[in-house]
Amino acid sequence: MKKGFTLIELLVVVLIIGILSAVALPQYEKAVEKSRWAEALSNIRALGNAVETYMLSSGGEAPTDISALDVSIGTQVSGSPHVALAGKFRYTLGASGDVVANWEGRSSSEKNYMNIVYSAKDHVLYCKLASKTTNSTAWSICKSWTNNCSSQIHPSGTNCNSFICCKI
């Protein structure tokens, strides 16, 4: 009697592995994206605190150069002192001291499906979701940070008409 596995047994094992990987891969991708957004949230909080410190020490003047802040996040884009890249995110300083993080590695149609914004004027951090986004991960991330978006806000100077803005 020969020892070993039959072809059917091997095919069943390969089929089971294929089914398990087909189920696990989308969940893994969601977990990776959530961790990247969590990193961006941490970075934007650090930048927001640095902007507030800068504005307090400069008499309310907003910073125009990321390198002037007391925090180092990513690499500054040459020719754009108000922009830094870190991982998959672009961090931009606005004229009024607002800081925006948006996903840099997306296609142009999905590039701004979700932003994290720190409003220096209102001292609030919020999640800005494109209302037409079909990205379920973006919805779940934003809603988990904002207690199911129970407090939609419209920060001053921010156009949230075509977006859903939720306080974090």
C-alpha atoms as a PDB file:
ATOM      1  CA  MET A   1       0.000   0.000   0.000  1.00  0.00           C
ATOM      2  CA  LYS A   2       1.351   3.404  -1.039  1.00  0.00           C
ATOM      3  CA  LYS A   3       1.450   6.267   1.413  1.00  0.00           C
ATOM      4  CA  GLY A   4       0.531   9.810   0.381  1.00  0.00           C
ATOM      5  CA  PHE A   5      -2.363  12.046  -0.511  1.00  0.00           C
ATOM      6  CA  THR A   6      -4.726  11.545  -3.390  1.00  0.00           C
ATOM      7  CA  LEU A   7      -5.301  14.239  -5.980  1.00  0.00           C
ATOM      8  CA  ILE A   8      -8.806  14.883  -4.637  1.00  0.00           C
ATOM      9  CA  GLU A   9      -7.496  15.445  -1.103  1.00  0.00           C
ATOM     10  CA  LEU A  10      -4.917  17.938  -2.372  1.00  0.00           C
ATOM     11  CA  LEU A  11      -7.526  19.780  -4.443  1.00  0.00           C
ATOM     12  CA  VAL A  12      -9.837  20.039  -1.427  1.00  0.00           C
ATOM     13  CA  VAL A  13      -7.014  21.559   0.666  1.00  0.00           C
ATOM     14  CA  VAL A  14      -6.170  24.073  -2.090  1.00  0.00           C
ATOM     15  CA  LEU A  15      -9.859  24.974  -2.430  1.00  0.00           C
ATOM     16  CA  ILE A  16     -10.235  25.543   1.320  1.00  0.00           C
ATOM     17  CA  ILE A  17      -7.119  27.754   1.387  1.00  0.00           C
ATOM     18  CA  GLY A  18      -8.444  29.734  -1.582  1.00  0.00           C
ATOM     19  CA  ILE A  19     -11.817  30.322   0.086  1.00  0.00           C
ATOM     20  CA  LEU A  20     -10.197  31.394   3.362  1.00  0.00           C
ATOM     21  CA  SER A  21      -7.867  33.829   1.619  1.00  0.00           C
ATOM     22  CA  ALA A  22     -10.726  35.284  -0.434  1.00  0.00           C
ATOM     23  CA  VAL A  23     -12.597  36.024   2.790  1.00  0.00           C
ATOM     24  CA  ALA A  24      -9.570  37.282   4.751  1.00  0.00           C
ATOM     25  CA  LEU A  25      -7.992  39.604   2.166  1.00  0.00           C
ATOM     26  CA  PRO A  26     -10.726  42.295   2.114  1.00  0.00           C
ATOM     27  CA  GLN A  27     -10.784  42.336   5.925  1.00  0.00           C
ATOM     28  CA  TYR A  28      -7.008  42.691   5.988  1.00  0.00           C
ATOM     29  CA  GLU A  29      -7.150  45.604   3.517  1.00  0.00           C
ATOM     30  CA  LYS A  30      -9.756  47.357   5.685  1.00  0.00           C
ATOM     31  CA  ALA A  31      -7.608  46.884   8.788  1.00  0.00           C
ATOM     32  CA  VAL A  32      -4.566  48.318   7.005  1.00  0.00           C
ATOM     33  CA  GLU A  33      -6.539  51.337   5.776  1.00  0.00           C
ATOM     34  CA  LYS A  34      -7.961  51.948   9.266  1.00  0.00           C
ATOM     35  CA  SER A  35      -4.464  51.873  10.750  1.00  0.00           C
ATOM     36  CA  ARG A  36      -3.240  54.364   8.141  1.00  0.00           C
ATOM     37  CA  TRP A  37      -6.106  56.731   8.949  1.00  0.00           C
ATOM     38  CA  ALA A  38      -5.373  56.321  12.671  1.00  0.00           C
ATOM     39  CA  GLU A  39      -1.788  57.374  11.968  1.00  0.00           C
ATOM     40  CA  ALA A  40      -3.061  60.396  10.029  1.00  0.00           C
ATOM     41  CA  LEU A  41      -5.366  61.309  12.914  1.00  0.00           C
ATOM     42  CA  SER A  42      -2.436  61.163  15.323  1.00  0.00           C
ATOM     43  CA  ASN A  43      -0.293  63.295  12.990  1.00  0.00           C
ATOM     44  CA  ILE A  44      -3.031  65.887  12.458  1.00  0.00           C
ATOM     45  CA  ARG A  45      -3.519  66.207  16.212  1.00  0.00           C
ATOM     46  CA  ALA A  46       0.215  66.800  16.638  1.00  0.00           C
ATOM     47  CA  LEU A  47       0.186  69.361  13.810  1.00  0.00           C
ATOM     48  CA  GLY A  48      -2.923  71.034  15.260  1.00  0.00           C
ATOM     49  CA  ASN A  49      -1.259  71.385  18.646  1.00  0.00           C
ATOM     50  CA  ALA A  50       1.887  72.770  16.984  1.00  0.00           C
ATOM     51  CA  VAL A  51      -0.199  75.284  14.999  1.00  0.00           C
ATOM     52  CA  GLU A  52      -1.956  76.438  18.170  1.00  0.00           C
ATOM     53  CA  THR A  53       1.404  76.834  19.944  1.00  0.00           C
ATOM     54  CA  TYR A  54       2.770  78.799  16.978  1.00  0.00           C
ATOM     55  CA  MET A  55      -0.275  81.057  16.837  1.00  0.00           C
ATOM     56  CA  LEU A  56      -0.116  81.731  20.584  1.00  0.00           C
ATOM     57  CA  SER A  57       3.568  82.656  20.397  1.00  0.00           C
ATOM     58  CA  SER A  58       3.192  84.804  17.254  1.00  0.00           C
ATOM     59  CA  GLY A  59       0.216  86.870  18.346  1.00  0.00           C
ATOM     60  CA  GLY A  60      -2.390  84.957  16.354  1.00  0.00           C
ATOM     61  CA  GLU A  61      -0.493  84.834  13.073  1.00  0.00           C
ATOM     62  CA  ALA A  62      -0.990  81.543  11.214  1.00  0.00           C
ATOM     63  CA  PRO A  63       2.111  79.600  10.131  1.00  0.00           C
ATOM     64  CA  THR A  64       2.898  79.435   6.428  1.00  0.00           C
ATOM     65  CA  ASP A  65       5.768  76.966   6.683  1.00  0.00           C
ATOM     66  CA  ILE A  66       5.510  73.508   8.220  1.00  0.00           C
ATOM     67  CA  SER A  67       9.189  73.606   9.195  1.00  0.00           C
ATOM     68  CA  ALA A  68       8.408  76.565  11.527  1.00  0.00           C
ATOM     69  CA  LEU A  69       6.307  74.281  13.730  1.00  0.00           C
ATOM     70  CA  ASP A  70       7.584  72.412  16.790  1.00  0.00           C
ATOM     71  CA  VAL A  71       6.824  69.047  15.199  1.00  0.00           C
ATOM     72  CA  SER A  72       8.383  67.076  12.364  1.00  0.00           C
ATOM     73  CA  ILE A  73       6.007  65.027  10.257  1.00  0.00           C
ATOM     74  CA  GLY A  74       7.079  63.518   6.963  1.00  0.00           C
ATOM     75  CA  THR A  75       9.048  65.378   4.343  1.00  0.00           C
ATOM     76  CA  GLN A  76       8.314  68.877   3.171  1.00  0.00           C
ATOM     77  CA  VAL A  77       7.395  69.234  -0.509  1.00  0.00           C
ATOM     78  CA  SER A  78      10.020  71.360  -2.258  1.00  0.00           C
ATOM     79  CA  GLY A  79       8.546  74.604  -3.509  1.00  0.00           C
ATOM     80  CA  SER A  80       5.544  74.223  -1.189  1.00  0.00           C
ATOM     81  CA  PRO A  81       6.577  75.116   2.371  1.00  0.00           C
ATOM     82  CA  HIS A  82       2.998  74.604   3.590  1.00  0.00           C
ATOM     83  CA  VAL A  83       2.805  70.960   2.409  1.00  0.00           C
ATOM     84  CA  ALA A  84       4.363  67.791   3.861  1.00  0.00           C
ATOM     85  CA  LEU A  85       4.082  64.167   2.766  1.00  0.00           C
ATOM     86  CA  ALA A  86       4.112  61.324   5.282  1.00  0.00           C
ATOM     87  CA  GLY A  87       3.250  57.794   4.279  1.00  0.00           C
ATOM     88  CA  LYS A  88       0.170  57.878   2.082  1.00  0.00           C
ATOM     89  CA  PHE A  89      -0.971  61.295   3.296  1.00  0.00           C
ATOM     90  CA  ARG A  90      -0.496  64.909   2.291  1.00  0.00           C
ATOM     91  CA  TYR A  91      -0.646  67.409   5.163  1.00  0.00           C
ATOM     92  CA  THR A  92      -1.435  70.978   4.147  1.00  0.00           C
ATOM     93  CA  LEU A  93      -1.420  74.187   6.197  1.00  0.00           C
ATOM     94  CA  GLY A  94      -4.255  76.543   5.294  1.00  0.00           C
ATOM     95  CA  ALA A  95      -4.050  80.358   5.344  1.00  0.00           C
ATOM     96  CA  SER A  96      -6.065  80.594   8.569  1.00  0.00           C
ATOM     97  CA  GLY A  97      -4.022  77.930  10.384  1.00  0.00           C
ATOM     98  CA  ASP A  98      -6.216  75.012   9.386  1.00  0.00           C
ATOM     99  CA  VAL A  99      -4.446  71.699   8.791  1.00  0.00           C
ATOM    100  CA  VAL A 100      -5.796  69.136   6.325  1.00  0.00           C
ATOM    101  CA  ALA A 101      -4.746  65.513   5.865  1.00  0.00           C
ATOM    102  CA  ASN A 102      -5.856  63.742   2.726  1.00  0.00           C
ATOM    103  CA  TRP A 103      -4.962  60.397   1.199  1.00  0.00           C
ATOM    104  CA  GLU A 104      -2.346  60.968  -1.484  1.00  0.00           C
ATOM    105  CA  GLY A 105      -2.265  57.550  -3.139  1.00  0.00           C
ATOM    106  CA  ARG A 106      -5.824  57.392  -4.492  1.00  0.00           C
ATOM    107  CA  SER A 107      -7.085  57.794  -8.018  1.00  0.00           C
ATOM    108  CA  SER A 108      -8.313  61.275  -8.899  1.00  0.00           C
ATOM    109  CA  SER A 109     -11.951  60.221  -8.560  1.00  0.00           C
ATOM    110  CA  GLU A 110     -11.443  59.062  -4.959  1.00  0.00           C
ATOM    111  CA  LYS A 111      -8.577  61.325  -3.913  1.00  0.00           C
ATOM    112  CA  ASN A 112     -10.608  63.487  -1.541  1.00  0.00           C
ATOM    113  CA  TYR A 113     -13.239  61.014  -0.455  1.00  0.00           C
ATOM    114  CA  MET A 114     -12.283  61.671   3.186  1.00  0.00           C
ATOM    115  CA  ASN A 115     -10.150  64.331   4.841  1.00  0.00           C
ATOM    116  CA  ILE A 116      -9.223  64.951   8.446  1.00  0.00           C
ATOM    117  CA  VAL A 117      -9.232  68.671   9.189  1.00  0.00           C
ATOM    118  CA  TYR A 118      -8.069  70.636  12.207  1.00  0.00           C
ATOM    119  CA  SER A 119      -9.687  74.070  12.355  1.00  0.00           C
ATOM    120  CA  ALA A 120      -7.459  76.457  14.303  1.00  0.00           C
ATOM    121  CA  LYS A 121     -10.175  79.119  14.301  1.00  0.00           C
ATOM    122  CA  ASP A 122     -12.756  76.850  15.942  1.00  0.00           C
ATOM    123  CA  HIS A 123     -10.225  74.675  17.832  1.00  0.00           C
ATOM    124  CA  VAL A 124     -11.944  71.561  16.538  1.00  0.00           C
ATOM    125  CA  LEU A 125     -10.878  68.425  14.717  1.00  0.00           C
ATOM    126  CA  TYR A 126     -13.331  66.996  12.223  1.00  0.00           C
ATOM    127  CA  CYS A 127     -13.761  64.299   9.653  1.00  0.00           C
ATOM    128  CA  LYS A 128     -14.825  65.616   6.244  1.00  0.00           C
ATOM    129  CA  LEU A 129     -16.487  62.932   4.123  1.00  0.00           C
ATOM    130  CA  ALA A 130     -17.556  63.378   0.539  1.00  0.00           C
ATOM    131  CA  SER A 131     -21.313  62.830   0.712  1.00  0.00           C
ATOM    132  CA  LYS A 132     -21.282  60.836  -2.529  1.00  0.00           C
ATOM    133  CA  THR A 133     -18.485  58.480  -1.484  1.00  0.00           C
ATOM    134  CA  THR A 134     -19.207  54.805  -1.837  1.00  0.00           C
ATOM    135  CA  ASN A 135     -16.141  53.852   0.193  1.00  0.00           C
ATOM    136  CA  SER A 136     -17.630  51.903   3.093  1.00  0.00           C
ATOM    137  CA  THR A 137     -14.311  51.863   4.958  1.00  0.00           C
ATOM    138  CA  ALA A 138     -14.261  55.681   4.995  1.00  0.00           C
ATOM    139  CA  TRP A 139     -17.778  55.765   6.408  1.00  0.00           C
ATOM    140  CA  SER A 140     -16.959  53.224   9.099  1.00  0.00           C
ATOM    141  CA  ILE A 141     -13.716  54.975  10.090  1.00  0.00           C
ATOM    142  CA  CYS A 142     -15.306  58.417  10.306  1.00  0.00           C
ATOM    143  CA  LYS A 143     -18.357  57.147  12.155  1.00  0.00           C
ATOM    144  CA  SER A 144     -16.256  55.198  14.654  1.00  0.00           C
ATOM    145  CA  TRP A 145     -14.288  58.355  15.490  1.00  0.00           C
ATOM    146  CA  THR A 146     -17.340  60.558  15.738  1.00  0.00           C
ATOM    147  CA  ASN A 147     -19.795  58.428  17.683  1.00  0.00           C
ATOM    148  CA  ASN A 148     -21.791  57.679  14.528  1.00  0.00           C
ATOM    149  CA  CYS A 149     -21.571  61.281  13.368  1.00  0.00           C
ATOM    150  CA  SER A 150     -24.093  62.417  15.947  1.00  0.00           C
ATOM    151  CA  SER A 151     -22.727  65.959  15.884  1.00  0.00           C
ATOM    152  CA  GLN A 152     -22.454  67.228  12.325  1.00  0.00           C
ATOM    153  CA  ILE A 153     -20.753  70.593  12.253  1.00  0.00           C
ATOM    154  CA  HIS A 154     -20.129  73.405   9.819  1.00  0.00           C
ATOM    155  CA  PRO A 155     -16.885  75.081  10.915  1.00  0.00           C
ATOM    156  CA  SER A 156     -16.547  78.736   9.975  1.00  0.00           C
ATOM    157  CA  GLY A 157     -14.914  79.326   6.617  1.00  0.00           C
ATOM    158  CA  THR A 158     -15.363  75.694   5.581  1.00  0.00           C
ATOM    159  CA  ASN A 159     -17.605  74.609   2.741  1.00  0.00           C
ATOM    160  CA  CYS A 160     -19.296  71.484   4.072  1.00  0.00           C
ATOM    161  CA  ASN A 161     -22.277  71.791   1.732  1.00  0.00           C
ATOM    162  CA  SER A 162     -21.210  68.854  -0.426  1.00  0.00           C
ATOM    163  CA  PHE A 163     -19.472  67.108   2.464  1.00  0.00           C
ATOM    164  CA  ILE A 164     -20.491  65.584   5.744  1.00  0.00           C
ATOM    165  CA  CYS A 165     -18.415  67.125   8.524  1.00  0.00           C
ATOM    166  CA  CYS A 166     -18.400  65.389  11.876  1.00  0.00           C
ATOM    167  CA  LYS A 167     -16.653  66.571  15.013  1.00  0.00           C
ATOM    168  CA  ILE A 168     -14.056  64.104  16.293  1.00  0.00           C
END
